[in-house]
C-alpha atoms as a PDB file:
ATOM      1  CA  LYS A   1       4.606  -8.403 -26.329  1.00  0.00           C
ATOM      2  CA  PHE A   2       1.439  -6.360 -26.774  1.00  0.00           C
ATOM      3  CA  PRO A   3       1.828  -2.667 -27.634  1.00  0.00           C
ATOM      4  CA  SER A   4       1.124  -0.094 -24.935  1.00  0.00           C
ATOM      5  CA  PRO A   5      -2.558   0.936 -24.735  1.00  0.00           C
ATOM      6  CA  ALA A   6      -1.506   4.505 -23.853  1.00  0.00           C
ATOM      7  CA  PRO A   7      -1.851   5.969 -27.409  1.00  0.00           C
ATOM      8  CA  PHE A   8      -5.308   4.431 -27.826  1.00  0.00           C
ATOM      9  CA  LEU A   9      -6.445   5.647 -24.408  1.00  0.00           C
ATOM     10  CA  SER A  10      -5.053   9.107 -25.076  1.00  0.00           C
ATOM     11  CA  ARG A  11      -7.206   9.364 -28.214  1.00  0.00           C
ATOM     12  CA  LEU A  12     -10.234   7.828 -26.492  1.00  0.00           C
ATOM     13  CA  PHE A  13     -10.201  10.134 -23.483  1.00  0.00           C
ATOM     14  CA  ARG A  14      -8.582  13.100 -25.309  1.00  0.00           C
ATOM     15  CA  CYS A  15      -5.837  13.438 -22.721  1.00  0.00           C
ATOM     16  CA  GLN A  16      -2.258  12.276 -22.230  1.00  0.00           C
ATOM     17  CA  PHE A  17      -1.509   9.076 -20.290  1.00  0.00           C
ATOM     18  CA  ARG A  18       2.006   9.843 -19.092  1.00  0.00           C
ATOM     19  CA  ARG A  19       2.599   6.718 -17.087  1.00  0.00           C
ATOM     20  CA  LEU A  20       1.097   3.281 -17.619  1.00  0.00           C
ATOM     21  CA  VAL A  21       3.243   0.657 -15.961  1.00  0.00           C
ATOM     22  CA  GLU A  22       2.080  -2.944 -15.616  1.00  0.00           C
ATOM     23  CA  ILE A  23      -1.580  -2.061 -15.018  1.00  0.00           C
ATOM     24  CA  PRO A  24      -4.139  -4.433 -16.575  1.00  0.00           C
ATOM     25  CA  PHE A  25      -5.790  -2.881 -19.636  1.00  0.00           C
ATOM     26  CA  SER A  26      -9.292  -3.292 -18.189  1.00  0.00           C
ATOM     27  CA  LEU A  27      -8.354  -1.210 -15.162  1.00  0.00           C
ATOM     28  CA  CYS A  28      -7.039   1.596 -17.361  1.00  0.00           C
ATOM     29  CA  LEU A  29     -10.604   2.324 -18.475  1.00  0.00           C
ATOM     30  CA  PHE A  30     -11.581   3.757 -15.110  1.00  0.00           C
ATOM     31  CA  GLY A  31     -10.947   7.288 -16.350  1.00  0.00           C
ATOM     32  CA  CYS A  32      -8.303   9.797 -17.243  1.00  0.00           C
ATOM     33  CA  SER A  33      -5.317  10.044 -14.890  1.00  0.00           C
ATOM     34  CA  ASP A  34      -1.786  11.365 -15.068  1.00  0.00           C
ATOM     35  CA  TYR A  35      -0.504   8.357 -13.120  1.00  0.00           C
ATOM     36  CA  LEU A  36      -1.669   4.842 -12.301  1.00  0.00           C
ATOM     37  CA  PHE A  37       0.111   3.279  -9.319  1.00  0.00           C
ATOM     38  CA  LYS A  38      -0.248  -0.234  -7.968  1.00  0.00           C
ATOM     39  CA  LEU A  39       0.186  -0.367  -4.184  1.00  0.00           C
ATOM     40  CA  LEU A  40       0.415  -3.410  -1.945  1.00  0.00           C
ATOM     41  CA  LEU A  41      -0.452  -3.690   1.752  1.00  0.00           C
ATOM     42  CA  ILE A  42       1.510  -6.450   3.478  1.00  0.00           C
ATOM     43  CA  GLY A  43       2.098  -7.533   7.063  1.00  0.00           C
ATOM     44  CA  ASP A  44       0.979 -10.097   9.609  1.00  0.00           C
ATOM     45  CA  SER A  45      -2.636 -11.129   9.939  1.00  0.00           C
ATOM     46  CA  SER A  46      -4.815  -8.836  12.116  1.00  0.00           C
ATOM     47  CA  VAL A  47      -2.482  -5.804  12.037  1.00  0.00           C
ATOM     48  CA  GLY A  48      -5.221  -3.771  10.350  1.00  0.00           C
ATOM     49  CA  LYS A  49      -4.364  -3.802   6.638  1.00  0.00           C
ATOM     50  CA  SER A  50      -7.985  -4.181   5.551  1.00  0.00           C
ATOM     51  CA  CYS A  51      -9.095  -1.485   7.998  1.00  0.00           C
ATOM     52  CA  LEU A  52      -6.519   0.943   6.611  1.00  0.00           C
ATOM     53  CA  LEU A  53      -7.716   0.230   3.076  1.00  0.00           C
ATOM     54  CA  LEU A  54     -11.379   0.673   4.022  1.00  0.00           C
ATOM     55  CA  ARG A  55     -10.646   3.925   5.824  1.00  0.00           C
ATOM     56  CA  PHE A  56      -8.677   5.343   2.906  1.00  0.00           C
ATOM     57  CA  ALA A  57     -10.859   4.104   0.036  1.00  0.00           C
ATOM     58  CA  ASP A  58     -14.346   4.312   1.592  1.00  0.00           C
ATOM     59  CA  ASP A  59     -13.797   6.379   4.764  1.00  0.00           C
ATOM     60  CA  SER A  60     -15.371   3.562   6.775  1.00  0.00           C
ATOM     61  CA  TYR A  61     -14.319   1.360   9.677  1.00  0.00           C
ATOM     62  CA  VAL A  62     -15.494  -2.099  10.735  1.00  0.00           C
ATOM     63  CA  ASP A  63     -14.688  -3.009  14.340  1.00  0.00           C
ATOM     64  CA  SER A  64     -15.265  -6.758  13.951  1.00  0.00           C
ATOM     65  CA  TYR A  65     -12.271  -8.570  12.475  1.00  0.00           C
ATOM     66  CA  ILE A  66     -12.754 -10.751   9.402  1.00  0.00           C
ATOM     67  CA  SER A  67      -9.547 -12.157   7.964  1.00  0.00           C
ATOM     68  CA  THR A  68      -8.861 -11.426   4.305  1.00  0.00           C
ATOM     69  CA  ILE A  69      -8.970 -14.559   2.144  1.00  0.00           C
ATOM     70  CA  GLY A  70      -6.243 -14.332  -0.472  1.00  0.00           C
ATOM     71  CA  VAL A  71      -6.287 -10.803  -1.915  1.00  0.00           C
ATOM     72  CA  ASP A  72      -8.690  -7.912  -2.430  1.00  0.00           C
ATOM     73  CA  PHE A  73      -8.252  -4.485  -3.972  1.00  0.00           C
ATOM     74  CA  LYS A  74      -9.827  -1.049  -4.133  1.00  0.00           C
ATOM     75  CA  ILE A  75      -9.225   1.999  -6.296  1.00  0.00           C
ATOM     76  CA  ARG A  76      -9.133   5.639  -5.269  1.00  0.00           C
ATOM     77  CA  THR A  77      -8.134   8.727  -7.211  1.00  0.00           C
ATOM     78  CA  VAL A  78      -6.224  11.513  -5.459  1.00  0.00           C
ATOM     79  CA  GLU A  79      -4.846  14.899  -6.466  1.00  0.00           C
ATOM     80  CA  GLN A  80      -1.225  15.722  -5.681  1.00  0.00           C
ATOM     81  CA  ASP A  81       0.849  18.657  -6.932  1.00  0.00           C
ATOM     82  CA  GLY A  82      -1.713  19.367  -9.634  1.00  0.00           C
ATOM     83  CA  LYS A  83      -1.616  15.787 -10.920  1.00  0.00           C
ATOM     84  CA  THR A  84      -4.372  13.174 -10.886  1.00  0.00           C
ATOM     85  CA  ILE A  85      -3.150   9.878  -9.444  1.00  0.00           C
ATOM     86  CA  LYS A  86      -5.188   6.694  -9.557  1.00  0.00           C
ATOM     87  CA  LEU A  87      -4.172   4.269  -6.799  1.00  0.00           C
ATOM     88  CA  GLN A  88      -4.911   0.585  -7.266  1.00  0.00           C
ATOM     89  CA  ILE A  89      -4.435  -0.774  -3.735  1.00  0.00           C
ATOM     90  CA  TRP A  90      -4.144  -4.502  -3.082  1.00  0.00           C
ATOM     91  CA  ASP A  91      -4.892  -5.907   0.373  1.00  0.00           C
ATOM     92  CA  THR A  92      -3.145  -9.229   0.988  1.00  0.00           C
ATOM     93  CA  ALA A  93      -3.772 -11.939   3.544  1.00  0.00           C
ATOM     94  CA  GLY A  94      -1.117 -12.163   6.231  1.00  0.00           C
ATOM     95  CA  GLN A  95      -1.574 -15.864   6.897  1.00  0.00           C
ATOM     96  CA  GLU A  96       1.290 -18.183   6.018  1.00  0.00           C
ATOM     97  CA  ARG A  97      -0.922 -20.466   3.914  1.00  0.00           C
ATOM     98  CA  PHE A  98      -1.663 -17.627   1.499  1.00  0.00           C
ATOM     99  CA  ARG A  99       1.959 -16.618   0.849  1.00  0.00           C
ATOM    100  CA  THR A 100       2.042 -18.461  -2.495  1.00  0.00           C
ATOM    101  CA  ILE A 101      -1.050 -16.563  -3.618  1.00  0.00           C
ATOM    102  CA  THR A 102       0.194 -13.137  -2.631  1.00  0.00           C
ATOM    103  CA  SER A 103       3.702 -13.587  -4.042  1.00  0.00           C
ATOM    104  CA  SER A 104       2.433 -13.030  -7.600  1.00  0.00           C
ATOM    105  CA  TYR A 105       1.006  -9.645  -6.605  1.00  0.00           C
ATOM    106  CA  TYR A 106       4.435  -8.251  -5.703  1.00  0.00           C
ATOM    107  CA  ARG A 107       5.300  -8.167  -9.386  1.00  0.00           C
ATOM    108  CA  GLY A 108       4.407  -4.865 -10.970  1.00  0.00           C
ATOM    109  CA  ALA A 109       3.847  -3.091  -7.648  1.00  0.00           C
ATOM    110  CA  HIS A 110       5.107   0.482  -7.587  1.00  0.00           C
ATOM    111  CA  GLY A 111       4.817   0.840  -3.817  1.00  0.00           C
ATOM    112  CA  ILE A 112       4.544  -1.523  -0.852  1.00  0.00           C
ATOM    113  CA  ILE A 113       3.258  -0.528   2.580  1.00  0.00           C
ATOM    114  CA  ILE A 114       4.516  -2.810   5.357  1.00  0.00           C
ATOM    115  CA  VAL A 115       2.074  -2.714   8.272  1.00  0.00           C
ATOM    116  CA  TYR A 116       2.627  -3.843  11.865  1.00  0.00           C
ATOM    117  CA  ASP A 117       0.499  -3.531  15.009  1.00  0.00           C
ATOM    118  CA  VAL A 118       2.001  -1.207  17.648  1.00  0.00           C
ATOM    119  CA  THR A 119       0.420  -3.409  20.356  1.00  0.00           C
ATOM    120  CA  GLU A 120       2.013  -6.635  19.055  1.00  0.00           C
ATOM    121  CA  MET A 121       5.822  -6.838  19.170  1.00  0.00           C
ATOM    122  CA  GLU A 122       5.820 -10.024  17.094  1.00  0.00           C
ATOM    123  CA  SER A 123       4.204  -8.196  14.166  1.00  0.00           C
ATOM    124  CA  PHE A 124       7.033  -5.630  14.285  1.00  0.00           C
ATOM    125  CA  ASN A 125       9.711  -8.309  14.553  1.00  0.00           C
ATOM    126  CA  ASN A 126       8.200 -10.000  11.495  1.00  0.00           C
ATOM    127  CA  VAL A 127       8.690  -6.851   9.398  1.00  0.00           C
ATOM    128  CA  LYS A 128      12.162  -8.142   8.512  1.00  0.00           C
ATOM    129  CA  GLN A 129      10.580 -11.294   7.109  1.00  0.00           C
ATOM    130  CA  TRP A 130       8.186  -9.217   4.998  1.00  0.00           C
ATOM    131  CA  LEU A 131      11.109  -7.133   3.738  1.00  0.00           C
ATOM    132  CA  SER A 132      12.772 -10.371   2.633  1.00  0.00           C
ATOM    133  CA  GLU A 133       9.601 -11.228   0.701  1.00  0.00           C
ATOM    134  CA  ILE A 134       9.808  -7.838  -1.022  1.00  0.00           C
ATOM    135  CA  ASP A 135      13.463  -8.412  -1.933  1.00  0.00           C
ATOM    136  CA  ARG A 136      12.553 -11.812  -3.324  1.00  0.00           C
ATOM    137  CA  TYR A 137       9.441 -10.983  -5.346  1.00  0.00           C
ATOM    138  CA  ALA A 138       9.198  -7.223  -6.016  1.00  0.00           C
ATOM    139  CA  ASN A 139      11.020  -4.978  -8.455  1.00  0.00           C
ATOM    140  CA  ASP A 140      14.296  -3.497  -7.229  1.00  0.00           C
ATOM    141  CA  SER A 141      12.932   0.027  -7.702  1.00  0.00           C
ATOM    142  CA  VAL A 142       9.770  -0.502  -5.629  1.00  0.00           C
ATOM    143  CA  CYS A 143       9.050   2.174  -3.007  1.00  0.00           C
ATOM    144  CA  LYS A 144       8.485   1.075   0.591  1.00  0.00           C
ATOM    145  CA  LEU A 145       6.711   2.631   3.576  1.00  0.00           C
ATOM    146  CA  LEU A 146       6.657   1.341   7.161  1.00  0.00           C
ATOM    147  CA  VAL A 147       3.382   1.849   9.046  1.00  0.00           C
ATOM    148  CA  GLY A 148       2.674   1.160  12.713  1.00  0.00           C
ATOM    149  CA  ASN A 149      -1.105   0.797  12.959  1.00  0.00           C
ATOM    150  CA  LYS A 150      -3.470   1.024  15.978  1.00  0.00           C
ATOM    151  CA  CYS A 151      -1.648   4.013  17.491  1.00  0.00           C
ATOM    152  CA  ASP A 152      -4.919   4.949  19.222  1.00  0.00           C
ATOM    153  CA  LEU A 153      -4.372   2.048  21.667  1.00  0.00           C
ATOM    154  CA  VAL A 154      -1.878   4.056  23.707  1.00  0.00           C
ATOM    155  CA  GLU A 155      -2.135   1.990  26.914  1.00  0.00           C
ATOM    156  CA  ASN A 156      -1.472  -1.263  25.028  1.00  0.00           C
ATOM    157  CA  LYS A 157       1.418   0.022  22.930  1.00  0.00           C
ATOM    158  CA  VAL A 158       4.588  -2.088  23.095  1.00  0.00           C
ATOM    159  CA  VAL A 159       6.498  -1.001  19.972  1.00  0.00           C
ATOM    160  CA  ASP A 160       8.335   2.234  20.745  1.00  0.00           C
ATOM    161  CA  THR A 161       7.885   4.962  18.135  1.00  0.00           C
ATOM    162  CA  GLU A 162      11.539   6.017  18.169  1.00  0.00           C
ATOM    163  CA  MET A 163      12.711   2.425  17.798  1.00  0.00           C
ATOM    164  CA  ALA A 164      10.483   1.913  14.757  1.00  0.00           C
ATOM    165  CA  LYS A 165      11.558   5.232  13.244  1.00  0.00           C
ATOM    166  CA  ALA A 166      15.231   4.377  13.731  1.00  0.00           C
ATOM    167  CA  PHE A 167      14.622   1.043  11.999  1.00  0.00           C
ATOM    168  CA  ALA A 168      12.917   2.787   9.061  1.00  0.00           C
ATOM    169  CA  ASP A 169      15.710   5.379   8.865  1.00  0.00           C
ATOM    170  CA  GLU A 170      18.234   2.562   8.723  1.00  0.00           C
ATOM    171  CA  LEU A 171      16.338   1.140   5.749  1.00  0.00           C
ATOM    172  CA  GLY A 172      16.019   4.579   4.180  1.00  0.00           C
ATOM    173  CA  ILE A 173      12.219   4.449   3.990  1.00  0.00           C
ATOM    174  CA  PRO A 174       9.458   6.711   5.377  1.00  0.00           C
ATOM    175  CA  PHE A 175       7.653   5.791   8.610  1.00  0.00           C
ATOM    176  CA  LEU A 176       4.252   6.716  10.033  1.00  0.00           C
ATOM    177  CA  GLU A 177       2.049   5.592  12.894  1.00  0.00           C
ATOM    178  CA  THR A 178      -1.634   5.333  11.994  1.00  0.00           C
ATOM    179  CA  SER A 179      -5.037   4.536  13.403  1.00  0.00           C
ATOM    180  CA  ALA A 180      -7.625   3.208  10.969  1.00  0.00           C
ATOM    181  CA  LYS A 181     -10.218   3.434  13.739  1.00  0.00           C
ATOM    182  CA  ASP A 182      -9.642   7.127  14.520  1.00  0.00           C
ATOM    183  CA  SER A 183      -8.496   8.033  10.994  1.00  0.00           C
ATOM    184  CA  ILE A 184      -5.059   9.198  12.152  1.00  0.00           C
ATOM    185  CA  ASN A 185      -2.420   9.587   9.412  1.00  0.00           C
ATOM    186  CA  VAL A 186      -4.232   7.148   7.085  1.00  0.00           C
ATOM    187  CA  GLU A 187      -4.596   9.691   4.295  1.00  0.00           C
ATOM    188  CA  GLN A 188      -1.038  10.857   4.881  1.00  0.00           C
ATOM    189  CA  ALA A 189       0.327   7.313   4.588  1.00  0.00           C
ATOM    190  CA  PHE A 190      -1.107   6.707   1.123  1.00  0.00           C
ATOM    191  CA  LEU A 191      -0.273  10.216  -0.092  1.00  0.00           C
ATOM    192  CA  THR A 192       3.300   9.766   1.171  1.00  0.00           C
ATOM    193  CA  MET A 193       3.520   6.527  -0.793  1.00  0.00           C
ATOM    194  CA  ALA A 194       2.160   8.189  -3.945  1.00  0.00           C
ATOM    195  CA  GLY A 195       4.610  11.064  -3.564  1.00  0.00           C
ATOM    196  CA  GLU A 196       7.581   8.726  -3.166  1.00  0.00           C
ATOM    197  CA  ILE A 197       6.630   6.828  -6.332  1.00  0.00           C
ATOM    198  CA  LYS A 198       6.030  10.010  -8.309  1.00  0.00           C
ATOM    199  CA  LYS A 199       9.501  11.290  -7.418  1.00  0.00           C
ATOM    200  CA  LYS A 200      11.159   8.270  -9.074  1.00  0.00           C
END
């Protein structure tokens, strides 16, 4: 087992790396942070995972849908409670044929955001299947957040907010409804996830 790069990085950047957990060494060289968290976006295809990531990381939105092939990731640094947190966010494909690819990315994740589409009941029903994937592949201590995306499509909404919240409460995890298109609660979702991880 290789020694932790934290002491070396602390000397190199003249600051203290307090938490370095299962982050590739090359990604640690992005700068000086108090925390480095690996987050995973999972859920059915077309629920808006990539759009949420683009909105949060780049503050952009693409209306035309292009399915993610395999996995992609972006990095954004945020400030929370006087601490600098670097978020390494992985966007996974929701298609069944990519499940074997994405399963390896559960390992080492500090937080997992399960996304469904509020206009597609099937995507909400499949949340239980995604939770089973988390139980199978992720660490027992991983933090989870349930997100109902596309809340701007009020007239097409079929998943009741209270029903989804009750489900999340039953699981003991936070819940938010978001809109990547209108930038509703997107920032709050990722900051909530970071806060939950930091509390552990």
